[in-house]
Every structure is written in C-alpha cells, then in structure tokens.
Amino acid sequence: MRIEEIAAKALEAVGDDRYKLALLVAKRAEAIANGAQILVDVNAQKMKYTDIALLEIAQGKVSLEGIIESNR
C-alpha cells in the first residue's frame, strides 16, 4: 500500500480533521522513538516513525483519546 493511501485512511479515521491527524502522528511517532511497542507488522528498520504511526492510525490501532489518556 502506498503512503498516500495510508494517509487517506488515517485521515478518515480521525474524522477528516487534518489538525487531529497531525497531532496524533506527532505524539505516536514520539512515543515510538522513545521505545513504545509498534502495533503493526512492519520492518521498523526501513520505515520512518511517522510512517509507522500513520499506518497504525489507518489500521485503527491508535486513537487520539488513547494518546491523551496516556499523557495524563
């Protein structure tokens, strides 16, 4: 699957709100960079953290509510 298709699915998953998507990708990519477990089956060595986060969002593995709760 191409990154454009993944981004479109991820955007749908957050109700077509680009701001929420950007926030969610940034927070999730930061968590992955800090050692969080990757929730999708990909080769993490060959992908950027932001792309992994986008894929997780597109597959419904991560939500904004979950990110907000984990930061409290």
N, C-alpha and C. Protein backbone atom coordinates (compact mmCIF):
# COMPACT_ATOMS: atom_id res chain seq x y z
N MET A 1 0.85 -1.19 0.00
CA MET A 1 0.00 0.00 0.00
C MET A 1 0.89 1.24 0.00
N ARG A 2 0.51 2.22 -0.79
CA ARG A 2 1.30 3.45 -0.88
C ARG A 2 0.97 4.38 0.28
N ILE A 3 1.91 5.25 0.60
CA ILE A 3 1.76 6.15 1.75
C ILE A 3 0.58 7.10 1.56
N GLU A 4 0.27 7.46 0.32
CA GLU A 4 -0.88 8.35 0.08
C GLU A 4 -2.19 7.67 0.47
N GLU A 5 -2.29 6.37 0.16
CA GLU A 5 -3.49 5.61 0.51
C GLU A 5 -3.59 5.45 2.03
N ILE A 6 -2.46 5.22 2.66
CA ILE A 6 -2.43 5.08 4.12
C ILE A 6 -2.86 6.39 4.77
N ALA A 7 -2.33 7.50 4.26
CA ALA A 7 -2.67 8.82 4.80
C ALA A 7 -4.16 9.11 4.65
N ALA A 8 -4.74 8.73 3.52
CA ALA A 8 -6.17 8.96 3.29
C ALA A 8 -7.01 8.16 4.29
N LYS A 9 -6.63 6.90 4.53
CA LYS A 9 -7.35 6.07 5.50
C LYS A 9 -7.20 6.63 6.91
N ALA A 10 -5.99 7.09 7.24
CA ALA A 10 -5.74 7.65 8.57
C ALA A 10 -6.56 8.92 8.77
N LEU A 11 -6.66 9.73 7.71
CA LEU A 11 -7.45 10.96 7.79
C LEU A 11 -8.93 10.64 8.03
N GLU A 12 -9.43 9.60 7.36
CA GLU A 12 -10.81 9.15 7.59
C GLU A 12 -10.99 8.72 9.05
N ALA A 13 -9.98 8.05 9.61
CA ALA A 13 -10.07 7.52 10.97
C ALA A 13 -10.20 8.61 12.03
N VAL A 14 -9.75 9.83 11.70
CA VAL A 14 -9.87 10.94 12.66
C VAL A 14 -10.94 11.93 12.22
N GLY A 15 -11.88 11.47 11.41
CA GLY A 15 -13.00 12.33 11.00
C GLY A 15 -12.60 13.44 10.05
N ASP A 16 -11.62 13.18 9.19
CA ASP A 16 -11.14 14.16 8.20
C ASP A 16 -10.64 15.46 8.82
N ASP A 17 -10.11 15.37 10.03
CA ASP A 17 -9.56 16.54 10.72
C ASP A 17 -8.04 16.49 10.62
N ARG A 18 -7.48 17.30 9.73
CA ARG A 18 -6.03 17.27 9.50
C ARG A 18 -5.24 17.67 10.74
N TYR A 19 -5.77 18.59 11.53
CA TYR A 19 -5.08 19.00 12.75
C TYR A 19 -4.97 17.83 13.72
N LYS A 20 -6.06 17.11 13.92
CA LYS A 20 -6.03 15.95 14.82
C LYS A 20 -5.06 14.90 14.31
N LEU A 21 -5.07 14.67 12.99
CA LEU A 21 -4.17 13.68 12.41
C LEU A 21 -2.71 14.07 12.63
N ALA A 22 -2.40 15.33 12.39
CA ALA A 22 -1.01 15.79 12.58
C ALA A 22 -0.59 15.63 14.04
N LEU A 23 -1.48 15.99 14.96
CA LEU A 23 -1.19 15.87 16.39
C LEU A 23 -0.99 14.41 16.78
N LEU A 24 -1.85 13.56 16.30
CA LEU A 24 -1.79 12.15 16.63
C LEU A 24 -0.54 11.49 16.06
N VAL A 25 -0.20 11.80 14.82
CA VAL A 25 1.02 11.25 14.21
C VAL A 25 2.25 11.72 14.99
N ALA A 26 2.29 12.99 15.34
CA ALA A 26 3.45 13.52 16.07
C ALA A 26 3.61 12.85 17.43
N LYS A 27 2.51 12.74 18.16
CA LYS A 27 2.57 12.13 19.50
C LYS A 27 2.94 10.65 19.42
N ARG A 28 2.35 9.93 18.47
CA ARG A 28 2.61 8.50 18.35
C ARG A 28 4.04 8.24 17.86
N ALA A 29 4.52 9.04 16.91
CA ALA A 29 5.89 8.89 16.41
C ALA A 29 6.89 9.16 17.54
N GLU A 30 6.59 10.14 18.37
CA GLU A 30 7.45 10.43 19.52
C GLU A 30 7.48 9.25 20.49
N ALA A 31 6.33 8.66 20.73
CA ALA A 31 6.25 7.50 21.62
C ALA A 31 7.06 6.33 21.06
N ILE A 32 6.95 6.10 19.76
CA ILE A 32 7.71 5.01 19.12
C ILE A 32 9.21 5.29 19.24
N ALA A 33 9.60 6.53 19.01
CA ALA A 33 11.01 6.91 19.11
C ALA A 33 11.53 6.70 20.53
N ASN A 34 10.65 6.83 21.50
CA ASN A 34 11.03 6.65 22.91
C ASN A 34 10.87 5.22 23.38
N GLY A 35 10.63 4.30 22.45
CA GLY A 35 10.63 2.88 22.80
C GLY A 35 9.29 2.21 22.92
N ALA A 36 8.21 2.88 22.54
CA ALA A 36 6.88 2.25 22.60
C ALA A 36 6.81 1.09 21.62
N GLN A 37 6.02 0.10 21.96
CA GLN A 37 5.87 -1.07 21.10
C GLN A 37 5.12 -0.70 19.82
N ILE A 38 5.62 -1.18 18.70
CA ILE A 38 4.98 -0.92 17.41
C ILE A 38 3.81 -1.89 17.27
N LEU A 39 2.64 -1.36 16.91
CA LEU A 39 1.40 -2.14 16.92
C LEU A 39 1.04 -2.76 15.57
N VAL A 40 1.87 -2.55 14.56
CA VAL A 40 1.63 -3.13 13.24
C VAL A 40 2.84 -3.98 12.84
N ASP A 41 2.61 -4.90 11.93
CA ASP A 41 3.66 -5.81 11.50
C ASP A 41 4.41 -5.20 10.31
N VAL A 42 5.48 -4.46 10.61
CA VAL A 42 6.30 -3.83 9.58
C VAL A 42 7.77 -3.96 9.96
N ASN A 43 8.64 -3.74 8.99
CA ASN A 43 10.06 -3.70 9.27
C ASN A 43 10.40 -2.28 9.73
N ALA A 44 10.52 -2.11 11.04
CA ALA A 44 10.73 -0.79 11.63
C ALA A 44 12.07 -0.18 11.22
N GLN A 45 13.01 -1.03 10.81
CA GLN A 45 14.32 -0.51 10.40
C GLN A 45 14.25 0.25 9.08
N LYS A 46 13.25 -0.08 8.27
CA LYS A 46 13.15 0.51 6.93
C LYS A 46 12.09 1.60 6.82
N MET A 47 11.40 1.90 7.92
CA MET A 47 10.33 2.91 7.88
C MET A 47 10.60 4.03 8.87
N LYS A 48 10.13 5.22 8.53
CA LYS A 48 10.23 6.34 9.46
C LYS A 48 9.17 6.17 10.54
N TYR A 49 9.43 6.73 11.71
CA TYR A 49 8.48 6.63 12.82
C TYR A 49 7.13 7.25 12.46
N THR A 50 7.16 8.34 11.70
CA THR A 50 5.90 8.99 11.32
C THR A 50 5.08 8.10 10.40
N ASP A 51 5.75 7.38 9.50
CA ASP A 51 5.03 6.47 8.60
C ASP A 51 4.43 5.30 9.37
N ILE A 52 5.16 4.80 10.36
CA ILE A 52 4.64 3.71 11.19
C ILE A 52 3.41 4.21 11.96
N ALA A 53 3.50 5.42 12.52
CA ALA A 53 2.38 5.99 13.27
C ALA A 53 1.17 6.16 12.36
N LEU A 54 1.38 6.63 11.15
CA LEU A 54 0.30 6.81 10.18
C LEU A 54 -0.37 5.48 9.87
N LEU A 55 0.42 4.44 9.69
CA LEU A 55 -0.11 3.11 9.40
C LEU A 55 -0.93 2.58 10.59
N GLU A 56 -0.43 2.81 11.80
CA GLU A 56 -1.17 2.39 12.99
C GLU A 56 -2.53 3.09 13.09
N ILE A 57 -2.54 4.37 12.78
CA ILE A 57 -3.79 5.15 12.82
C ILE A 57 -4.75 4.64 11.75
N ALA A 58 -4.23 4.41 10.54
CA ALA A 58 -5.07 3.94 9.43
C ALA A 58 -5.69 2.59 9.74
N GLN A 59 -4.98 1.75 10.48
CA GLN A 59 -5.49 0.42 10.83
C GLN A 59 -6.32 0.43 12.11
N GLY A 60 -6.50 1.62 12.72
CA GLY A 60 -7.33 1.73 13.90
C GLY A 60 -6.68 1.23 15.17
N LYS A 61 -5.35 1.12 15.19
CA LYS A 61 -4.64 0.61 16.36
C LYS A 61 -4.41 1.70 17.40
N VAL A 62 -4.46 2.97 16.97
CA VAL A 62 -4.18 4.10 17.85
C VAL A 62 -5.27 5.15 17.66
N SER A 63 -5.69 5.77 18.75
CA SER A 63 -6.67 6.86 18.65
C SER A 63 -6.19 8.05 19.47
N LEU A 64 -6.73 9.22 19.16
CA LEU A 64 -6.33 10.43 19.88
C LEU A 64 -6.69 10.32 21.35
N GLU A 65 -7.83 9.71 21.65
CA GLU A 65 -8.25 9.56 23.04
C GLU A 65 -7.22 8.74 23.82
N GLY A 66 -6.70 7.69 23.20
CA GLY A 66 -5.70 6.85 23.86
C GLY A 66 -4.41 7.60 24.13
N ILE A 67 -4.01 8.45 23.20
CA ILE A 67 -2.78 9.23 23.38
C ILE A 67 -2.96 10.25 24.50
N ILE A 68 -4.12 10.92 24.55
CA ILE A 68 -4.38 11.92 25.57
C ILE A 68 -4.39 11.26 26.96
N GLU A 69 -5.04 10.11 27.07
CA GLU A 69 -5.11 9.41 28.35
C GLU A 69 -3.73 8.99 28.85
N SER A 70 -2.85 8.55 27.95
CA SER A 70 -1.53 8.07 28.37
C SER A 70 -0.62 9.22 28.80
N ASN A 71 -0.94 10.45 28.42
CA ASN A 71 -0.13 11.60 28.81
C ASN A 71 -0.54 12.21 30.14
N ARG A 72 -1.62 11.75 30.72
CA ARG A 72 -2.09 12.32 31.99
C ARG A 72 -1.38 11.72 33.17
